[in-house]
């Protein structure tokens, strides 16, 4: 019974890590697109588009 629970726990952890990594890729792509849009849309105005 214990080995079955351990295997199920490992499967659950690996599924959770895979799902989280998949979602993080989508978030990273969205941030990259927003950053590129901000970079190209503000490049013409002569202002800095970032605050630092």
PDB file of N, CA and C in Angstrom:
ATOM      1  N   UNK A   1       0.811  -1.197   0.000  1.00  0.00           N
ATOM      2  CA  UNK A   1       0.000   0.000   0.000  1.00  0.00           C
ATOM      3  C   UNK A   1       0.859   1.268   0.000  1.00  0.00           C
ATOM      4  N   UNK A   2       1.931   1.264   0.798  1.00  0.00           N
ATOM      5  CA  UNK A   2       2.817   2.429   0.882  1.00  0.00           C
ATOM      6  C   UNK A   2       3.506   2.706  -0.456  1.00  0.00           C
ATOM      7  N   UNK A   3       4.052   1.674  -1.151  1.00  0.00           N
ATOM      8  CA  UNK A   3       4.687   1.966  -2.447  1.00  0.00           C
ATOM      9  C   UNK A   3       3.706   2.553  -3.470  1.00  0.00           C
ATOM     10  N   UNK A   4       2.468   2.092  -3.435  1.00  0.00           N
ATOM     11  CA  UNK A   4       1.465   2.636  -4.356  1.00  0.00           C
ATOM     12  C   UNK A   4       1.213   4.113  -4.062  1.00  0.00           C
ATOM     13  N   UNK A   5       1.121   4.462  -2.792  1.00  0.00           N
ATOM     14  CA  UNK A   5       0.926   5.860  -2.424  1.00  0.00           C
ATOM     15  C   UNK A   5       2.129   6.714  -2.810  1.00  0.00           C
ATOM     16  N   UNK A   6       3.321   6.166  -2.644  1.00  0.00           N
ATOM     17  CA  UNK A   6       4.528   6.902  -3.032  1.00  0.00           C
ATOM     18  C   UNK A   6       4.570   7.136  -4.541  1.00  0.00           C
ATOM     19  N   UNK A   7       4.218   6.115  -5.323  1.00  0.00           N
ATOM     20  CA  UNK A   7       4.193   6.260  -6.780  1.00  0.00           C
ATOM     21  C   UNK A   7       3.155   7.304  -7.179  1.00  0.00           C
ATOM     22  N   UNK A   8       1.974   7.259  -6.579  1.00  0.00           N
ATOM     23  CA  UNK A   8       0.949   8.251  -6.882  1.00  0.00           C
ATOM     24  C   UNK A   8       1.390   9.657  -6.486  1.00  0.00           C
ATOM     25  N   UNK A   9       2.087   9.787  -5.374  1.00  0.00           N
ATOM     26  CA  UNK A   9       2.597  11.079  -4.943  1.00  0.00           C
ATOM     27  C   UNK A   9       3.637  11.612  -5.926  1.00  0.00           C
ATOM     28  N   UNK A  10       4.532  10.748  -6.392  1.00  0.00           N
ATOM     29  CA  UNK A  10       5.547  11.153  -7.366  1.00  0.00           C
ATOM     30  C   UNK A  10       4.881  11.590  -8.672  1.00  0.00           C
ATOM     31  N   UNK A  11       3.887  10.840  -9.116  1.00  0.00           N
ATOM     32  CA  UNK A  11       3.172  11.208 -10.341  1.00  0.00           C
ATOM     33  C   UNK A  11       2.483  12.560 -10.164  1.00  0.00           C
ATOM     34  N   UNK A  12       1.868  12.784  -9.026  1.00  0.00           N
ATOM     35  CA  UNK A  12       1.189  14.047  -8.763  1.00  0.00           C
ATOM     36  C   UNK A  12       2.177  15.208  -8.737  1.00  0.00           C
ATOM     37  N   UNK A  13       3.328  15.025  -8.109  1.00  0.00           N
ATOM     38  CA  UNK A  13       4.344  16.078  -8.047  1.00  0.00           C
ATOM     39  C   UNK A  13       4.878  16.381  -9.440  1.00  0.00           C
ATOM     40  N   UNK A  14       5.191  15.342 -10.213  1.00  0.00           N
ATOM     41  CA  UNK A  14       5.718  15.578 -11.559  1.00  0.00           C
ATOM     42  C   UNK A  14       4.682  16.242 -12.454  1.00  0.00           C
ATOM     43  N   UNK A  15       3.422  15.874 -12.328  1.00  0.00           N
ATOM     44  CA  UNK A  15       2.369  16.521 -13.100  1.00  0.00           C
ATOM     45  C   UNK A  15       2.250  17.986 -12.705  1.00  0.00           C
ATOM     46  N   UNK A  16       2.325  18.257 -11.406  1.00  0.00           N
ATOM     47  CA  UNK A  16       2.243  19.644 -10.937  1.00  0.00           C
ATOM     48  C   UNK A  16       3.400  20.485 -11.436  1.00  0.00           C
ATOM     49  N   UNK A  17       4.611  19.918 -11.427  1.00  0.00           N
ATOM     50  CA  UNK A  17       5.774  20.647 -11.921  1.00  0.00           C
ATOM     51  C   UNK A  17       5.640  20.908 -13.422  1.00  0.00           C
ATOM     52  N   UNK A  18       5.186  19.916 -14.151  1.00  0.00           N
ATOM     53  CA  UNK A  18       5.013  20.093 -15.596  1.00  0.00           C
ATOM     54  C   UNK A  18       3.964  21.128 -15.929  1.00  0.00           C
ATOM     55  N   UNK A  19       2.857  21.110 -15.205  1.00  0.00           N
ATOM     56  CA  UNK A  19       1.793  22.085 -15.436  1.00  0.00           C
ATOM     57  C   UNK A  19       2.275  23.491 -15.092  1.00  0.00           C
ATOM     58  N   UNK A  20       2.978  23.618 -13.974  1.00  0.00           N
ATOM     59  CA  UNK A  20       3.492  24.923 -13.563  1.00  0.00           C
ATOM     60  C   UNK A  20       4.503  25.453 -14.568  1.00  0.00           C
ATOM     61  N   UNK A  21       5.385  24.598 -15.050  1.00  0.00           N
ATOM     62  CA  UNK A  21       6.377  25.025 -16.035  1.00  0.00           C
ATOM     63  C   UNK A  21       5.691  25.453 -17.324  1.00  0.00           C
ATOM     64  N   UNK A  22       4.637  24.764 -17.713  1.00  0.00           N
ATOM     65  CA  UNK A  22       3.893  25.101 -18.924  1.00  0.00           C
ATOM     66  C   UNK A  22       3.247  26.481 -18.779  1.00  0.00           C
ATOM     67  N   UNK A  23       2.641  26.736 -17.631  1.00  0.00           N
ATOM     68  CA  UNK A  23       2.009  28.036 -17.385  1.00  0.00           C
ATOM     69  C   UNK A  23       3.067  29.138 -17.338  1.00  0.00           C
ATOM     70  N   UNK A  24       4.208  28.857 -16.729  1.00  0.00           N
ATOM     71  CA  UNK A  24       5.272  29.863 -16.656  1.00  0.00           C
ATOM     72  C   UNK A  24       5.801  30.221 -18.035  1.00  0.00           C
ATOM     73  N   UNK A  25       5.835  29.259 -18.962  1.00  0.00           N
ATOM     74  CA  UNK A  25       6.246  29.582 -20.331  1.00  0.00           C
ATOM     75  C   UNK A  25       5.286  30.565 -20.970  1.00  0.00           C
ATOM     76  N   UNK A  26       3.971  30.362 -20.765  1.00  0.00           N
ATOM     77  CA  UNK A  26       2.989  31.289 -21.330  1.00  0.00           C
ATOM     78  C   UNK A  26       3.120  32.680 -20.709  1.00  0.00           C
ATOM     79  N   UNK A  27       3.373  32.743 -19.416  1.00  0.00           N
ATOM     80  CA  UNK A  27       3.552  34.035 -18.755  1.00  0.00           C
ATOM     81  C   UNK A  27       4.811  34.723 -19.286  1.00  0.00           C
ATOM     82  N   UNK A  28       5.890  33.966 -19.463  1.00  0.00           N
ATOM     83  CA  UNK A  28       7.128  34.542 -19.976  1.00  0.00           C
ATOM     84  C   UNK A  28       6.948  35.071 -21.396  1.00  0.00           C
ATOM     85  N   UNK A  29       6.215  34.356 -22.227  1.00  0.00           N
ATOM     86  CA  UNK A  29       5.977  34.814 -23.604  1.00  0.00           C
ATOM     87  C   UNK A  29       5.126  36.078 -23.599  1.00  0.00           C
ATOM     88  N   UNK A  30       4.108  36.137 -22.740  1.00  0.00           N
ATOM     89  CA  UNK A  30       3.262  37.327 -22.655  1.00  0.00           C
ATOM     90  C   UNK A  30       4.072  38.538 -22.200  1.00  0.00           C
ATOM     91  N   UNK A  31       4.941  38.365 -21.212  1.00  0.00           N
ATOM     92  CA  UNK A  31       5.777  39.471 -20.733  1.00  0.00           C
ATOM     93  C   UNK A  31       6.735  39.918 -21.823  1.00  0.00           C
ATOM     94  N   UNK A  32       7.300  38.990 -22.553  1.00  0.00           N
ATOM     95  CA  UNK A  32       8.206  39.341 -23.642  1.00  0.00           C
ATOM     96  C   UNK A  32       7.489  40.145 -24.723  1.00  0.00           C
ATOM     97  N   UNK A  33       6.282  39.735 -25.085  1.00  0.00           N
ATOM     98  CA  UNK A  33       5.510  40.466 -26.101  1.00  0.00           C
ATOM     99  C   UNK A  33       5.201  41.876 -25.611  1.00  0.00           C
ATOM    100  N   UNK A  34       4.773  42.016 -24.356  1.00  0.00           N
ATOM    101  CA  UNK A  34       4.497  43.346 -23.820  1.00  0.00           C
ATOM    102  C   UNK A  34       5.746  44.210 -23.786  1.00  0.00           C
ATOM    103  N   UNK A  35       6.870  43.624 -23.421  1.00  0.00           N
ATOM    104  CA  UNK A  35       8.123  44.368 -23.380  1.00  0.00           C
ATOM    105  C   UNK A  35       8.519  44.837 -24.778  1.00  0.00           C
ATOM    106  N   UNK A  36       8.398  43.948 -25.767  1.00  0.00           N
ATOM    107  CA  UNK A  36       8.744  44.334 -27.139  1.00  0.00           C
ATOM    108  C   UNK A  36       7.806  45.414 -27.670  1.00  0.00           C
ATOM    109  N   UNK A  37       6.520  45.302 -27.370  1.00  0.00           N
ATOM    110  CA  UNK A  37       5.575  46.340 -27.795  1.00  0.00           C
ATOM    111  C   UNK A  37       5.940  47.684 -27.165  1.00  0.00           C
ATOM    112  N   UNK A  38       6.229  47.678 -25.886  1.00  0.00           N
ATOM    113  CA  UNK A  38       6.631  48.914 -25.217  1.00  0.00           C
ATOM    114  C   UNK A  38       7.914  49.472 -25.780  1.00  0.00           C
ATOM    115  N   UNK A  39       8.832  48.623 -26.125  1.00  0.00           N
ATOM    116  CA  UNK A  39      10.107  49.067 -26.672  1.00  0.00           C
ATOM    117  C   UNK A  39       9.922  49.722 -28.028  1.00  0.00           C
ATOM    118  N   UNK A  40       9.159  49.095 -28.917  1.00  0.00           N
ATOM    119  CA  UNK A  40       9.016  49.617 -30.274  1.00  0.00           C
ATOM    120  C   UNK A  40       8.026  50.777 -30.355  1.00  0.00           C
ATOM    121  N   UNK A  41       7.007  50.786 -29.526  1.00  0.00           N
ATOM    122  CA  UNK A  41       6.028  51.875 -29.594  1.00  0.00           C
ATOM    123  C   UNK A  41       6.567  53.164 -28.976  1.00  0.00           C
ATOM    124  N   UNK A  42       7.429  53.073 -28.000  1.00  0.00           N
ATOM    125  CA  UNK A  42       7.975  54.265 -27.360  1.00  0.00           C
ATOM    126  C   UNK A  42       9.310  54.698 -27.955  1.00  0.00           C
ATOM    127  N   UNK A  43       9.881  53.930 -28.859  1.00  0.00           N
ATOM    128  CA  UNK A  43      11.197  54.267 -29.409  1.00  0.00           C
ATOM    129  C   UNK A  43      11.130  55.529 -30.261  1.00  0.00           C
ATOM    130  N   UNK A  44       9.992  55.835 -30.891  1.00  0.00           N
ATOM    131  CA  UNK A  44       9.894  56.988 -31.777  1.00  0.00           C
ATOM    132  C   UNK A  44       9.780  58.301 -31.003  1.00  0.00           C
ATOM    133  N   UNK A  45       9.201  58.275 -29.828  1.00  0.00           N
ATOM    134  CA  UNK A  45       8.869  59.515 -29.132  1.00  0.00           C
ATOM    135  C   UNK A  45      10.082  60.168 -28.475  1.00  0.00           C
ATOM    136  N   UNK A  46      11.206  59.507 -28.405  1.00  0.00           N
ATOM    137  CA  UNK A  46      12.395  60.085 -27.798  1.00  0.00           C
ATOM    138  C   UNK A  46      12.423  59.973 -26.287  1.00  0.00           C
ATOM    139  N   UNK A  47      11.387  59.467 -25.681  1.00  0.00           N
ATOM    140  CA  UNK A  47      11.367  59.290 -24.231  1.00  0.00           C
ATOM    141  C   UNK A  47      11.919  57.915 -23.879  1.00  0.00           C
ATOM    142  N   UNK A  48      12.357  57.830 -22.640  1.00  0.00           N
ATOM    143  CA  UNK A  48      12.700  56.492 -22.155  1.00  0.00           C
ATOM    144  C   UNK A  48      11.411  55.793 -21.777  1.00  0.00           C
ATOM    145  N   UNK A  49      11.254  54.557 -22.197  1.00  0.00           N
ATOM    146  CA  UNK A  49      10.032  53.811 -21.913  1.00  0.00           C
ATOM    147  C   UNK A  49      10.145  53.023 -20.627  1.00  0.00           C
ATOM    148  N   UNK A  50      11.296  53.079 -19.984  1.00  0.00           N
ATOM    149  CA  UNK A  50      11.471  52.399 -18.713  1.00  0.00           C
ATOM    150  C   UNK A  50      11.759  53.436 -17.655  1.00  0.00           C
ATOM    151  N   UNK A  51      11.604  53.088 -16.400  1.00  0.00           N
ATOM    152  CA  UNK A  51      11.699  54.065 -15.325  1.00  0.00           C
ATOM    153  C   UNK A  51      13.072  54.111 -14.643  1.00  0.00           C
ATOM    154  N   UNK A  52      13.904  53.135 -14.855  1.00  0.00           N
ATOM    155  CA  UNK A  52      15.182  53.147 -14.153  1.00  0.00           C
ATOM    156  C   UNK A  52      16.282  53.746 -14.989  1.00  0.00           C
TER     157      UNK A  52
END
